[in-house]
Amino acid sequence: MLDTDPSDGSDGSPDGGWAFVADSDGAADLLGTLVDCNDERAYTRSDLAERSGVPLKTLYLDGLLDEFVALGVLVRADDESDEETEPQYRVAGDSDLLAAARAFDDAYPAS
């Protein structure tokens, strides 16, 4: 459940994984895309935007990719000091969060 009470001293961050996905523009679409991504391949921001249908602005300017890196779902696959090339990311194959998302995806009955 989203924490909407500013008087409780929280910083306004979602209270958990479901709240994060529900509250963050593009998070559900990106997570759904990452479930099917190859963890041996590097993806640019543009690749991830195109595959997920999430606007590049949302991924980059809203910090969604950085959030997924912080959550351990993505890892940077490029030299972060090289500002001339587009950043690249790999899916973290050992991510518990990604494993849970895959399990949820697999458990959903296909019609």
C-alpha atoms as a PDB file:
ATOM      1  CA  MET A   1       0.000   0.000   0.000  1.00  0.00           C
ATOM      2  CA  LEU A   2       1.282   3.463  -0.847  1.00  0.00           C
ATOM      3  CA  ASP A   3       2.199   5.662   2.052  1.00  0.00           C
ATOM      4  CA  THR A   4       0.237   8.860   1.522  1.00  0.00           C
ATOM      5  CA  ASP A   5       0.456  10.257   5.056  1.00  0.00           C
ATOM      6  CA  PRO A   6       3.211  12.906   5.114  1.00  0.00           C
ATOM      7  CA  SER A   7       2.923  13.247   8.893  1.00  0.00           C
ATOM      8  CA  ASP A   8       4.468   9.832   9.564  1.00  0.00           C
ATOM      9  CA  GLY A   9       8.010  11.031   8.848  1.00  0.00           C
ATOM     10  CA  SER A  10       8.544   8.955   5.724  1.00  0.00           C
ATOM     11  CA  ASP A  11      10.390  10.374   2.747  1.00  0.00           C
ATOM     12  CA  GLY A  12       7.522   9.614   0.358  1.00  0.00           C
ATOM     13  CA  SER A  13       9.212   6.501  -1.069  1.00  0.00           C
ATOM     14  CA  PRO A  14       6.976   3.523  -1.748  1.00  0.00           C
ATOM     15  CA  ASP A  15       6.575   1.109   1.167  1.00  0.00           C
ATOM     16  CA  GLY A  16       7.435  -1.996  -0.839  1.00  0.00           C
ATOM     17  CA  GLY A  17       7.898  -3.632  -4.212  1.00  0.00           C
ATOM     18  CA  TRP A  18       4.273  -3.561  -5.293  1.00  0.00           C
ATOM     19  CA  ALA A  19       3.975   0.083  -4.297  1.00  0.00           C
ATOM     20  CA  PHE A  20       7.142   0.923  -6.241  1.00  0.00           C
ATOM     21  CA  VAL A  21       5.805  -0.764  -9.383  1.00  0.00           C
ATOM     22  CA  ALA A  22       2.391   0.883  -8.981  1.00  0.00           C
ATOM     23  CA  ASP A  23       3.761   4.332  -8.139  1.00  0.00           C
ATOM     24  CA  SER A  24       6.596   4.602 -10.680  1.00  0.00           C
ATOM     25  CA  ASP A  25       5.725   5.465 -14.273  1.00  0.00           C
ATOM     26  CA  GLY A  26       6.988   2.695 -16.515  1.00  0.00           C
ATOM     27  CA  ALA A  27       8.256   0.399 -13.734  1.00  0.00           C
ATOM     28  CA  ALA A  28       5.799  -2.410 -14.488  1.00  0.00           C
ATOM     29  CA  ASP A  29       6.479  -2.295 -18.220  1.00  0.00           C
ATOM     30  CA  LEU A  30      10.243  -2.210 -17.704  1.00  0.00           C
ATOM     31  CA  LEU A  31      10.174  -5.056 -15.186  1.00  0.00           C
ATOM     32  CA  GLY A  32       8.018  -7.117 -17.543  1.00  0.00           C
ATOM     33  CA  THR A  33      10.551  -6.547 -20.300  1.00  0.00           C
ATOM     34  CA  LEU A  34      13.545  -7.399 -18.129  1.00  0.00           C
ATOM     35  CA  VAL A  35      11.965 -10.753 -17.246  1.00  0.00           C
ATOM     36  CA  ASP A  36      12.516 -11.777 -20.880  1.00  0.00           C
ATOM     37  CA  CYS A  37      15.930 -10.152 -21.428  1.00  0.00           C
ATOM     38  CA  ASN A  38      19.123 -12.156 -21.850  1.00  0.00           C
ATOM     39  CA  ASP A  39      21.485 -11.519 -18.915  1.00  0.00           C
ATOM     40  CA  GLU A  40      24.528 -12.052 -21.157  1.00  0.00           C
ATOM     41  CA  ARG A  41      23.643  -9.177 -23.477  1.00  0.00           C
ATOM     42  CA  ALA A  42      24.109  -5.469 -22.856  1.00  0.00           C
ATOM     43  CA  TYR A  43      21.197  -3.135 -23.617  1.00  0.00           C
ATOM     44  CA  THR A  44      21.318   0.623 -24.159  1.00  0.00           C
ATOM     45  CA  ARG A  45      18.744   2.985 -22.680  1.00  0.00           C
ATOM     46  CA  SER A  46      17.260   3.255 -26.172  1.00  0.00           C
ATOM     47  CA  ASP A  47      17.023  -0.554 -26.470  1.00  0.00           C
ATOM     48  CA  LEU A  48      15.208  -0.790 -23.142  1.00  0.00           C
ATOM     49  CA  ALA A  49      12.876   2.089 -24.012  1.00  0.00           C
ATOM     50  CA  GLU A  50      11.957   0.514 -27.334  1.00  0.00           C
ATOM     51  CA  ARG A  51      11.508  -3.004 -25.926  1.00  0.00           C
ATOM     52  CA  SER A  52       9.430  -1.869 -22.939  1.00  0.00           C
ATOM     53  CA  GLY A  53       7.422   0.891 -24.592  1.00  0.00           C
ATOM     54  CA  VAL A  54       8.505   3.239 -21.791  1.00  0.00           C
ATOM     55  CA  PRO A  55       9.586   6.641 -23.112  1.00  0.00           C
ATOM     56  CA  LEU A  56      13.327   7.242 -22.960  1.00  0.00           C
ATOM     57  CA  LYS A  57      12.635  10.382 -20.925  1.00  0.00           C
ATOM     58  CA  THR A  58      10.956   8.295 -18.229  1.00  0.00           C
ATOM     59  CA  LEU A  59      13.788   5.769 -18.146  1.00  0.00           C
ATOM     60  CA  TYR A  60      16.528   8.350 -18.063  1.00  0.00           C
ATOM     61  CA  LEU A  61      15.313  11.671 -16.718  1.00  0.00           C
ATOM     62  CA  ASP A  62      12.958  10.187 -14.119  1.00  0.00           C
ATOM     63  CA  GLY A  63      15.755   7.935 -12.860  1.00  0.00           C
ATOM     64  CA  LEU A  64      13.968   4.644 -13.443  1.00  0.00           C
ATOM     65  CA  LEU A  65      17.090   2.905 -14.737  1.00  0.00           C
ATOM     66  CA  ASP A  66      19.102   4.159 -11.770  1.00  0.00           C
ATOM     67  CA  GLU A  67      16.396   2.820  -9.462  1.00  0.00           C
ATOM     68  CA  PHE A  68      16.569  -0.595 -11.106  1.00  0.00           C
ATOM     69  CA  VAL A  69      20.365  -0.543 -10.724  1.00  0.00           C
ATOM     70  CA  ALA A  70      19.973   0.356  -7.031  1.00  0.00           C
ATOM     71  CA  LEU A  71      17.484  -2.520  -6.633  1.00  0.00           C
ATOM     72  CA  GLY A  72      20.005  -4.934  -8.157  1.00  0.00           C
ATOM     73  CA  VAL A  73      17.873  -5.802 -11.175  1.00  0.00           C
ATOM     74  CA  LEU A  74      20.219  -4.091 -13.642  1.00  0.00           C
ATOM     75  CA  VAL A  75      23.984  -3.572 -13.628  1.00  0.00           C
ATOM     76  CA  ARG A  76      25.922  -1.075 -15.676  1.00  0.00           C
ATOM     77  CA  ALA A  77      27.763  -2.826 -18.509  1.00  0.00           C
ATOM     78  CA  ASP A  78      29.806   0.101 -19.748  1.00  0.00           C
ATOM     79  CA  ASP A  79      32.538   2.415 -18.545  1.00  0.00           C
ATOM     80  CA  GLU A  80      30.545   4.921 -16.500  1.00  0.00           C
ATOM     81  CA  SER A  81      33.266   7.548 -16.904  1.00  0.00           C
ATOM     82  CA  ASP A  82      32.888   7.494 -20.708  1.00  0.00           C
ATOM     83  CA  GLU A  83      30.315  10.216 -21.298  1.00  0.00           C
ATOM     84  CA  GLU A  84      30.565   9.974 -25.096  1.00  0.00           C
ATOM     85  CA  THR A  85      28.709   6.674 -25.452  1.00  0.00           C
ATOM     86  CA  GLU A  86      25.203   5.757 -24.414  1.00  0.00           C
ATOM     87  CA  PRO A  87      25.114   3.869 -21.111  1.00  0.00           C
ATOM     88  CA  GLN A  88      24.576   0.132 -21.333  1.00  0.00           C
ATOM     89  CA  TYR A  89      22.965  -2.225 -18.862  1.00  0.00           C
ATOM     90  CA  ARG A  90      22.797  -5.962 -18.269  1.00  0.00           C
ATOM     91  CA  VAL A  91      20.061  -7.806 -16.448  1.00  0.00           C
ATOM     92  CA  ALA A  92      21.437  -9.068 -13.135  1.00  0.00           C
ATOM     93  CA  GLY A  93      21.061 -12.821 -13.519  1.00  0.00           C
ATOM     94  CA  ASP A  94      21.354 -13.339  -9.757  1.00  0.00           C
ATOM     95  CA  SER A  95      18.692 -10.768  -8.802  1.00  0.00           C
ATOM     96  CA  ASP A  96      16.181 -12.103  -6.265  1.00  0.00           C
ATOM     97  CA  LEU A  97      13.706  -9.434  -7.358  1.00  0.00           C
ATOM     98  CA  LEU A  98      13.986 -10.482 -10.994  1.00  0.00           C
ATOM     99  CA  ALA A  99      13.666 -14.163 -10.032  1.00  0.00           C
ATOM    100  CA  ALA A 100      10.469 -13.329  -8.133  1.00  0.00           C
ATOM    101  CA  ALA A 101       9.115 -11.384 -11.117  1.00  0.00           C
ATOM    102  CA  ARG A 102       9.880 -14.340 -13.405  1.00  0.00           C
ATOM    103  CA  ALA A 103       8.185 -16.748 -10.980  1.00  0.00           C
ATOM    104  CA  PHE A 104       5.126 -14.494 -10.842  1.00  0.00           C
ATOM    105  CA  ASP A 105       5.075 -14.276 -14.639  1.00  0.00           C
ATOM    106  CA  ASP A 106       5.341 -18.072 -14.943  1.00  0.00           C
ATOM    107  CA  ALA A 107       2.633 -18.638 -12.306  1.00  0.00           C
ATOM    108  CA  TYR A 108       0.094 -16.467 -14.109  1.00  0.00           C
ATOM    109  CA  PRO A 109      -2.232 -18.788 -16.020  1.00  0.00           C
ATOM    110  CA  ALA A 110      -1.933 -18.286 -19.761  1.00  0.00           C
ATOM    111  CA  SER A 111      -5.191 -18.198 -21.647  1.00  0.00           C
END
